[in-house]
């Protein structure tokens, strides 16, 4: 059996927590929106935003913050919305 802590995998996990934002390495990154209108696409937007920002900056804190912001904007619109349309 693999011990996750021994393999250092736990430090590589980013977990989303719905309306509570995301967590990584014990740090909580709060969501940026309290009143969602439609959550369709929020998870996909988080993953896309996180991946894009992390590739660009190699900064996990910045990537999670950006991903939360992107997902927070998408859930303020009815139906599936593309984040770039909101900027």
PDB file of N, CA and C in Angstrom:
ATOM      1  N   UNK A   1       0.837  -1.183   0.000  1.00  0.00           N
ATOM      2  CA  UNK A   1       0.000   0.000   0.000  1.00  0.00           C
ATOM      3  C   UNK A   1       0.887   1.253   0.000  1.00  0.00           C
ATOM      4  N   UNK A   2       0.462   2.267  -0.754  1.00  0.00           N
ATOM      5  CA  UNK A   2       1.206   3.517  -0.850  1.00  0.00           C
ATOM      6  C   UNK A   2       0.761   4.462   0.256  1.00  0.00           C
ATOM      7  N   UNK A   3       1.715   5.010   0.965  1.00  0.00           N
ATOM      8  CA  UNK A   3       1.422   6.010   1.984  1.00  0.00           C
ATOM      9  C   UNK A   3       1.531   7.380   1.318  1.00  0.00           C
ATOM     10  N   UNK A   4       0.403   8.070   1.218  1.00  0.00           N
ATOM     11  CA  UNK A   4       0.380   9.347   0.504  1.00  0.00           C
ATOM     12  C   UNK A   4       1.369  10.337   1.093  1.00  0.00           C
ATOM     13  N   UNK A   5       1.426  10.460   2.395  1.00  0.00           N
ATOM     14  CA  UNK A   5       2.335  11.424   3.025  1.00  0.00           C
ATOM     15  C   UNK A   5       3.788  11.090   2.690  1.00  0.00           C
ATOM     16  N   UNK A   6       4.133   9.813   2.687  1.00  0.00           N
ATOM     17  CA  UNK A   6       5.510   9.420   2.382  1.00  0.00           C
ATOM     18  C   UNK A   6       5.893   9.756   0.951  1.00  0.00           C
ATOM     19  N   UNK A   7       4.933   9.723   0.053  1.00  0.00           N
ATOM     20  CA  UNK A   7       5.210  10.006  -1.357  1.00  0.00           C
ATOM     21  C   UNK A   7       5.021  11.476  -1.708  1.00  0.00           C
ATOM     22  N   UNK A   8       4.706  12.285  -0.737  1.00  0.00           N
ATOM     23  CA  UNK A   8       4.597  13.728  -0.943  1.00  0.00           C
ATOM     24  C   UNK A   8       3.483  14.122  -1.907  1.00  0.00           C
ATOM     25  N   UNK A   9       2.529  13.239  -2.146  1.00  0.00           N
ATOM     26  CA  UNK A   9       1.438  13.570  -3.059  1.00  0.00           C
ATOM     27  C   UNK A   9       0.502  14.620  -2.475  1.00  0.00           C
ATOM     28  N   UNK A  10       0.355  14.608  -1.167  1.00  0.00           N
ATOM     29  CA  UNK A  10      -0.587  15.514  -0.527  1.00  0.00           C
ATOM     30  C   UNK A  10      -0.219  16.976  -0.778  1.00  0.00           C
ATOM     31  N   UNK A  11       1.034  17.281  -0.983  1.00  0.00           N
ATOM     32  CA  UNK A  11       1.442  18.666  -1.239  1.00  0.00           C
ATOM     33  C   UNK A  11       1.133  19.099  -2.662  1.00  0.00           C
ATOM     34  N   UNK A  12       0.719  18.163  -3.500  1.00  0.00           N
ATOM     35  CA  UNK A  12       0.417  18.482  -4.893  1.00  0.00           C
ATOM     36  C   UNK A  12      -1.080  18.563  -5.174  1.00  0.00           C
ATOM     37  N   UNK A  13      -1.900  18.347  -4.159  1.00  0.00           N
ATOM     38  CA  UNK A  13      -3.348  18.319  -4.340  1.00  0.00           C
ATOM     39  C   UNK A  13      -3.954  19.694  -4.084  1.00  0.00           C
ATOM     40  N   UNK A  14      -4.798  20.130  -5.012  1.00  0.00           N
ATOM     41  CA  UNK A  14      -5.627  21.315  -4.823  1.00  0.00           C
ATOM     42  C   UNK A  14      -7.059  20.800  -4.803  1.00  0.00           C
ATOM     43  N   UNK A  15      -7.772  21.067  -3.733  1.00  0.00           N
ATOM     44  CA  UNK A  15      -9.154  20.606  -3.610  1.00  0.00           C
ATOM     45  C   UNK A  15     -10.099  21.792  -3.649  1.00  0.00           C
ATOM     46  N   UNK A  16     -11.120  21.693  -4.490  1.00  0.00           N
ATOM     47  CA  UNK A  16     -12.147  22.731  -4.500  1.00  0.00           C
ATOM     48  C   UNK A  16     -13.188  22.368  -3.452  1.00  0.00           C
ATOM     49  N   UNK A  17     -13.771  23.405  -2.858  1.00  0.00           N
ATOM     50  CA  UNK A  17     -14.719  23.205  -1.755  1.00  0.00           C
ATOM     51  C   UNK A  17     -16.026  23.946  -1.996  1.00  0.00           C
ATOM     52  N   UNK A  18     -16.504  23.907  -3.238  1.00  0.00           N
ATOM     53  CA  UNK A  18     -17.786  24.508  -3.583  1.00  0.00           C
ATOM     54  C   UNK A  18     -17.787  25.994  -3.206  1.00  0.00           C
ATOM     55  N   UNK A  19     -18.765  26.441  -2.475  1.00  0.00           N
ATOM     56  CA  UNK A  19     -18.892  27.865  -2.121  1.00  0.00           C
ATOM     57  C   UNK A  19     -17.833  28.349  -1.144  1.00  0.00           C
ATOM     58  N   UNK A  20     -17.054  27.418  -0.594  1.00  0.00           N
ATOM     59  CA  UNK A  20     -16.005  27.788   0.354  1.00  0.00           C
ATOM     60  C   UNK A  20     -14.645  28.014  -0.298  1.00  0.00           C
ATOM     61  N   UNK A  21     -14.560  27.893  -1.618  1.00  0.00           N
ATOM     62  CA  UNK A  21     -13.308  28.166  -2.315  1.00  0.00           C
ATOM     63  C   UNK A  21     -12.498  26.921  -2.593  1.00  0.00           C
ATOM     64  N   UNK A  22     -11.209  26.983  -2.275  1.00  0.00           N
ATOM     65  CA  UNK A  22     -10.297  25.864  -2.543  1.00  0.00           C
ATOM     66  C   UNK A  22      -9.273  25.768  -1.418  1.00  0.00           C
ATOM     67  N   UNK A  23      -8.600  24.635  -1.344  1.00  0.00           N
ATOM     68  CA  UNK A  23      -7.565  24.444  -0.339  1.00  0.00           C
ATOM     69  C   UNK A  23      -6.360  23.749  -0.951  1.00  0.00           C
ATOM     70  N   UNK A  24      -5.197  24.117  -0.427  1.00  0.00           N
ATOM     71  CA  UNK A  24      -3.941  23.503  -0.855  1.00  0.00           C
ATOM     72  C   UNK A  24      -2.964  23.578   0.308  1.00  0.00           C
ATOM     73  N   UNK A  25      -2.399  22.439   0.670  1.00  0.00           N
ATOM     74  CA  UNK A  25      -1.399  22.384   1.744  1.00  0.00           C
ATOM     75  C   UNK A  25      -1.887  23.016   3.045  1.00  0.00           C
ATOM     76  N   UNK A  26      -3.162  22.850   3.340  1.00  0.00           N
ATOM     77  CA  UNK A  26      -3.712  23.383   4.582  1.00  0.00           C
ATOM     78  C   UNK A  26      -4.137  24.838   4.519  1.00  0.00           C
ATOM     79  N   UNK A  27      -3.850  25.524   3.423  1.00  0.00           N
ATOM     80  CA  UNK A  27      -4.250  26.925   3.266  1.00  0.00           C
ATOM     81  C   UNK A  27      -5.582  26.978   2.526  1.00  0.00           C
ATOM     82  N   UNK A  28      -6.487  27.810   3.015  1.00  0.00           N
ATOM     83  CA  UNK A  28      -7.786  27.972   2.373  1.00  0.00           C
ATOM     84  C   UNK A  28      -7.778  29.246   1.535  1.00  0.00           C
ATOM     85  N   UNK A  29      -8.239  29.105   0.319  1.00  0.00           N
ATOM     86  CA  UNK A  29      -8.375  30.228  -0.613  1.00  0.00           C
ATOM     87  C   UNK A  29      -9.874  30.469  -0.759  1.00  0.00           C
ATOM     88  N   UNK A  30     -10.404  31.502  -0.121  1.00  0.00           N
ATOM     89  CA  UNK A  30     -11.854  31.702  -0.110  1.00  0.00           C
ATOM     90  C   UNK A  30     -12.421  31.980  -1.496  1.00  0.00           C
ATOM     91  N   UNK A  31     -13.658  31.572  -1.673  1.00  0.00           N
ATOM     92  CA  UNK A  31     -14.371  31.868  -2.918  1.00  0.00           C
ATOM     93  C   UNK A  31     -14.552  33.377  -3.023  1.00  0.00           C
ATOM     94  N   UNK A  32     -14.709  33.845  -4.242  1.00  0.00           N
ATOM     95  CA  UNK A  32     -14.830  35.288  -4.455  1.00  0.00           C
ATOM     96  C   UNK A  32     -16.271  35.743  -4.621  1.00  0.00           C
ATOM     97  N   UNK A  33     -17.217  34.806  -4.629  1.00  0.00           N
ATOM     98  CA  UNK A  33     -18.613  35.143  -4.845  1.00  0.00           C
ATOM     99  C   UNK A  33     -19.485  34.438  -3.822  1.00  0.00           C
ATOM    100  N   UNK A  34     -20.395  35.166  -3.217  1.00  0.00           N
ATOM    101  CA  UNK A  34     -21.289  34.582  -2.219  1.00  0.00           C
ATOM    102  C   UNK A  34     -22.629  34.130  -2.792  1.00  0.00           C
ATOM    103  N   UNK A  35     -23.089  34.763  -3.834  1.00  0.00           N
ATOM    104  CA  UNK A  35     -24.428  34.503  -4.354  1.00  0.00           C
ATOM    105  C   UNK A  35     -24.394  33.990  -5.786  1.00  0.00           C
ATOM    106  N   UNK A  36     -24.186  32.676  -5.971  1.00  0.00           N
ATOM    107  CA  UNK A  36     -24.159  32.146  -7.332  1.00  0.00           C
ATOM    108  C   UNK A  36     -25.536  32.176  -7.986  1.00  0.00           C
ATOM    109  N   UNK A  37     -25.538  32.412  -9.279  1.00  0.00           N
ATOM    110  CA  UNK A  37     -26.776  32.359 -10.052  1.00  0.00           C
ATOM    111  C   UNK A  37     -26.894  30.993 -10.714  1.00  0.00           C
ATOM    112  N   UNK A  38     -25.795  30.497 -11.273  1.00  0.00           N
ATOM    113  CA  UNK A  38     -25.781  29.197 -11.954  1.00  0.00           C
ATOM    114  C   UNK A  38     -24.365  28.630 -11.869  1.00  0.00           C
ATOM    115  N   UNK A  39     -24.211  27.467 -11.274  1.00  0.00           N
ATOM    116  CA  UNK A  39     -22.868  26.905 -11.067  1.00  0.00           C
ATOM    117  C   UNK A  39     -22.368  26.060 -12.239  1.00  0.00           C
ATOM    118  N   UNK A  40     -23.145  25.970 -13.317  1.00  0.00           N
ATOM    119  CA  UNK A  40     -22.706  25.201 -14.488  1.00  0.00           C
ATOM    120  C   UNK A  40     -21.383  25.742 -15.017  1.00  0.00           C
ATOM    121  N   UNK A  41     -20.420  24.867 -15.147  1.00  0.00           N
ATOM    122  CA  UNK A  41     -19.133  25.251 -15.705  1.00  0.00           C
ATOM    123  C   UNK A  41     -18.129  25.771 -14.696  1.00  0.00           C
ATOM    124  N   UNK A  42     -18.515  25.890 -13.431  1.00  0.00           N
ATOM    125  CA  UNK A  42     -17.604  26.448 -12.425  1.00  0.00           C
ATOM    126  C   UNK A  42     -16.363  25.579 -12.233  1.00  0.00           C
ATOM    127  N   UNK A  43     -16.537  24.291 -12.148  1.00  0.00           N
ATOM    128  CA  UNK A  43     -15.394  23.393 -11.958  1.00  0.00           C
ATOM    129  C   UNK A  43     -14.460  23.387 -13.152  1.00  0.00           C
ATOM    130  N   UNK A  44     -15.040  23.335 -14.340  1.00  0.00           N
ATOM    131  CA  UNK A  44     -14.230  23.378 -15.557  1.00  0.00           C
ATOM    132  C   UNK A  44     -13.466  24.692 -15.651  1.00  0.00           C
ATOM    133  N   UNK A  45     -14.123  25.772 -15.291  1.00  0.00           N
ATOM    134  CA  UNK A  45     -13.474  27.082 -15.320  1.00  0.00           C
ATOM    135  C   UNK A  45     -12.340  27.149 -14.309  1.00  0.00           C
ATOM    136  N   UNK A  46     -12.563  26.583 -13.109  1.00  0.00           N
ATOM    137  CA  UNK A  46     -11.504  26.562 -12.106  1.00  0.00           C
ATOM    138  C   UNK A  46     -10.283  25.820 -12.643  1.00  0.00           C
ATOM    139  N   UNK A  47     -10.487  24.635 -13.184  1.00  0.00           N
ATOM    140  CA  UNK A  47      -9.367  23.825 -13.690  1.00  0.00           C
ATOM    141  C   UNK A  47      -8.648  24.544 -14.827  1.00  0.00           C
ATOM    142  N   UNK A  48      -9.397  25.109 -15.749  1.00  0.00           N
ATOM    143  CA  UNK A  48      -8.782  25.823 -16.874  1.00  0.00           C
ATOM    144  C   UNK A  48      -8.017  27.053 -16.394  1.00  0.00           C
ATOM    145  N   UNK A  49      -8.620  27.815 -15.491  1.00  0.00           N
ATOM    146  CA  UNK A  49      -7.954  29.007 -14.963  1.00  0.00           C
ATOM    147  C   UNK A  49      -6.710  28.660 -14.179  1.00  0.00           C
ATOM    148  N   UNK A  50      -6.812  27.642 -13.325  1.00  0.00           N
ATOM    149  CA  UNK A  50      -5.663  27.203 -12.541  1.00  0.00           C
ATOM    150  C   UNK A  50      -4.523  26.750 -13.453  1.00  0.00           C
ATOM    151  N   UNK A  51      -4.835  25.898 -14.392  1.00  0.00           N
ATOM    152  CA  UNK A  51      -3.809  25.349 -15.281  1.00  0.00           C
ATOM    153  C   UNK A  51      -3.131  26.446 -16.095  1.00  0.00           C
ATOM    154  N   UNK A  52      -3.920  27.319 -16.660  1.00  0.00           N
ATOM    155  CA  UNK A  52      -3.371  28.412 -17.472  1.00  0.00           C
ATOM    156  C   UNK A  52      -2.462  29.320 -16.655  1.00  0.00           C
ATOM    157  N   UNK A  53      -2.927  29.729 -15.488  1.00  0.00           N
ATOM    158  CA  UNK A  53      -2.143  30.655 -14.660  1.00  0.00           C
ATOM    159  C   UNK A  53      -0.900  29.977 -14.098  1.00  0.00           C
ATOM    160  N   UNK A  54      -1.011  28.705 -13.741  1.00  0.00           N
ATOM    161  CA  UNK A  54       0.154  28.008 -13.197  1.00  0.00           C
ATOM    162  C   UNK A  54       1.224  27.808 -14.267  1.00  0.00           C
ATOM    163  N   UNK A  55       0.823  27.465 -15.467  1.00  0.00           N
ATOM    164  CA  UNK A  55       1.794  27.319 -16.560  1.00  0.00           C
ATOM    165  C   UNK A  55       2.478  28.655 -16.833  1.00  0.00           C
ATOM    166  N   UNK A  56       1.701  29.722 -16.775  1.00  0.00           N
ATOM    167  CA  UNK A  56       2.233  31.056 -17.057  1.00  0.00           C
ATOM    168  C   UNK A  56       3.170  31.560 -15.964  1.00  0.00           C
ATOM    169  N   UNK A  57       2.818  31.310 -14.681  1.00  0.00           N
ATOM    170  CA  UNK A  57       3.552  31.946 -13.580  1.00  0.00           C
ATOM    171  C   UNK A  57       4.358  30.984 -12.710  1.00  0.00           C
ATOM    172  N   UNK A  58       4.029  29.702 -12.735  1.00  0.00           N
ATOM    173  CA  UNK A  58       4.638  28.696 -11.834  1.00  0.00           C
ATOM    174  C   UNK A  58       4.413  29.041 -10.360  1.00  0.00           C
ATOM    175  N   UNK A  59       3.370  29.809 -10.071  1.00  0.00           N
ATOM    176  CA  UNK A  59       3.041  30.245  -8.714  1.00  0.00           C
ATOM    177  C   UNK A  59       1.687  29.660  -8.334  1.00  0.00           C
ATOM    178  N   UNK A  60       1.690  28.648  -7.466  1.00  0.00           N
ATOM    179  CA  UNK A  60       0.447  27.939  -7.143  1.00  0.00           C
ATOM    180  C   UNK A  60      -0.548  28.822  -6.402  1.00  0.00           C
ATOM    181  N   UNK A  61      -0.087  29.700  -5.527  1.00  0.00           N
ATOM    182  CA  UNK A  61      -1.000  30.612  -4.825  1.00  0.00           C
ATOM    183  C   UNK A  61      -1.714  31.524  -5.817  1.00  0.00           C
ATOM    184  N   UNK A  62      -0.962  32.071  -6.719  1.00  0.00           N
ATOM    185  CA  UNK A  62      -1.541  32.963  -7.728  1.00  0.00           C
ATOM    186  C   UNK A  62      -2.500  32.199  -8.643  1.00  0.00           C
ATOM    187  N   UNK A  63      -2.141  30.966  -8.991  1.00  0.00           N
ATOM    188  CA  UNK A  63      -2.990  30.155  -9.873  1.00  0.00           C
ATOM    189  C   UNK A  63      -4.324  29.826  -9.207  1.00  0.00           C
ATOM    190  N   UNK A  64      -4.297  29.478  -7.931  1.00  0.00           N
ATOM    191  CA  UNK A  64      -5.538  29.160  -7.225  1.00  0.00           C
ATOM    192  C   UNK A  64      -6.397  30.414  -7.074  1.00  0.00           C
ATOM    193  N   UNK A  65      -5.789  31.524  -6.741  1.00  0.00           N
ATOM    194  CA  UNK A  65      -6.526  32.784  -6.612  1.00  0.00           C
ATOM    195  C   UNK A  65      -7.176  33.163  -7.933  1.00  0.00           C
ATOM    196  N   UNK A  66      -6.424  33.029  -9.027  1.00  0.00           N
ATOM    197  CA  UNK A  66      -6.964  33.333 -10.356  1.00  0.00           C
ATOM    198  C   UNK A  66      -8.118  32.395 -10.695  1.00  0.00           C
ATOM    199  N   UNK A  67      -7.943  31.110 -10.417  1.00  0.00           N
ATOM    200  CA  UNK A  67      -8.976  30.118 -10.722  1.00  0.00           C
ATOM    201  C   UNK A  67     -10.256  30.411  -9.938  1.00  0.00           C
ATOM    202  N   UNK A  68     -10.117  30.768  -8.671  1.00  0.00           N
ATOM    203  CA  UNK A  68     -11.284  31.133  -7.858  1.00  0.00           C
ATOM    204  C   UNK A  68     -11.992  32.348  -8.444  1.00  0.00           C
ATOM    205  N   UNK A  69     -11.214  33.327  -8.868  1.00  0.00           N
ATOM    206  CA  UNK A  69     -11.800  34.538  -9.458  1.00  0.00           C
ATOM    207  C   UNK A  69     -12.556  34.191 -10.743  1.00  0.00           C
ATOM    208  N   UNK A  70     -11.942  33.388 -11.589  1.00  0.00           N
ATOM    209  CA  UNK A  70     -12.581  33.006 -12.853  1.00  0.00           C
ATOM    210  C   UNK A  70     -13.879  32.247 -12.596  1.00  0.00           C
ATOM    211  N   UNK A  71     -13.833  31.250 -11.733  1.00  0.00           N
ATOM    212  CA  UNK A  71     -15.038  30.479 -11.422  1.00  0.00           C
ATOM    213  C   UNK A  71     -16.087  31.368 -10.769  1.00  0.00           C
ATOM    214  N   UNK A  72     -15.651  32.296  -9.928  1.00  0.00           N
ATOM    215  CA  UNK A  72     -16.570  33.217  -9.267  1.00  0.00           C
ATOM    216  C   UNK A  72     -17.302  34.122 -10.235  1.00  0.00           C
ATOM    217  N   UNK A  73     -16.659  34.472 -11.326  1.00  0.00           N
ATOM    218  CA  UNK A  73     -17.316  35.303 -12.336  1.00  0.00           C
ATOM    219  C   UNK A  73     -18.294  34.489 -13.176  1.00  0.00           C
ATOM    220  N   UNK A  74     -17.912  33.270 -13.507  1.00  0.00           N
ATOM    221  CA  UNK A  74     -18.763  32.415 -14.341  1.00  0.00           C
ATOM    222  C   UNK A  74     -20.089  32.099 -13.652  1.00  0.00           C
ATOM    223  N   UNK A  75     -20.076  31.891 -12.351  1.00  0.00           N
ATOM    224  CA  UNK A  75     -21.313  31.518 -11.656  1.00  0.00           C
ATOM    225  C   UNK A  75     -22.263  32.691 -11.433  1.00  0.00           C
ATOM    226  N   UNK A  76     -21.855  33.881 -11.825  1.00  0.00           N
ATOM    227  CA  UNK A  76     -22.739  35.048 -11.736  1.00  0.00           C
ATOM    228  C   UNK A  76     -23.625  35.198 -12.967  1.00  0.00           C
ATOM    229  N   UNK A  77     -23.433  34.321 -13.951  1.00  0.00           N
ATOM    230  CA  UNK A  77     -24.191  34.383 -15.200  1.00  0.00           C
ATOM    231  C   UNK A  77     -25.115  33.173 -15.311  1.00  0.00           C
ATOM    232  N   UNK A  78     -26.234  33.327 -15.949  1.00  0.00           N
ATOM    233  CA  UNK A  78     -27.154  32.219 -16.201  1.00  0.00           C
ATOM    234  C   UNK A  78     -26.637  31.417 -17.385  1.00  0.00           C
ATOM    235  N   UNK A  79     -26.560  30.110 -17.222  1.00  0.00           N
ATOM    236  CA  UNK A  79     -26.086  29.233 -18.289  1.00  0.00           C
ATOM    237  C   UNK A  79     -24.572  29.180 -18.296  1.00  0.00           C
ATOM    238  N   UNK A  80     -24.041  28.326 -19.138  1.00  0.00           N
ATOM    239  CA  UNK A  80     -22.594  28.176 -19.231  1.00  0.00           C
ATOM    240  C   UNK A  80     -22.010  29.423 -19.881  1.00  0.00           C
ATOM    241  N   UNK A  81     -20.996  30.000 -19.246  1.00  0.00           N
ATOM    242  CA  UNK A  81     -20.381  31.239 -19.693  1.00  0.00           C
ATOM    243  C   UNK A  81     -18.874  31.056 -19.801  1.00  0.00           C
ATOM    244  N   UNK A  82     -18.286  31.652 -20.809  1.00  0.00           N
ATOM    245  CA  UNK A  82     -16.836  31.603 -20.979  1.00  0.00           C
ATOM    246  C   UNK A  82     -16.232  32.801 -20.245  1.00  0.00           C
ATOM    247  N   UNK A  83     -15.239  32.547 -19.401  1.00  0.00           N
ATOM    248  CA  UNK A  83     -14.636  33.604 -18.592  1.00  0.00           C
ATOM    249  C   UNK A  83     -14.108  34.748 -19.450  1.00  0.00           C
ATOM    250  N   UNK A  84     -13.485  34.444 -20.570  1.00  0.00           N
ATOM    251  CA  UNK A  84     -12.917  35.509 -21.412  1.00  0.00           C
ATOM    252  C   UNK A  84     -14.004  36.472 -21.908  1.00  0.00           C
ATOM    253  N   UNK A  85     -15.230  35.996 -22.008  1.00  0.00           N
ATOM    254  CA  UNK A  85     -16.346  36.856 -22.415  1.00  0.00           C
ATOM    255  C   UNK A  85     -16.687  37.877 -21.329  1.00  0.00           C
ATOM    256  N   UNK A  86     -16.235  37.613 -20.106  1.00  0.00           N
ATOM    257  CA  UNK A  86     -16.611  38.470 -18.983  1.00  0.00           C
ATOM    258  C   UNK A  86     -15.580  39.557 -18.698  1.00  0.00           C
ATOM    259  N   UNK A  87     -14.414  39.445 -19.270  1.00  0.00           N
ATOM    260  CA  UNK A  87     -13.353  40.408 -18.964  1.00  0.00           C
ATOM    261  C   UNK A  87     -13.517  41.687 -19.739  1.00  0.00           C
TER     262      UNK A  87
END
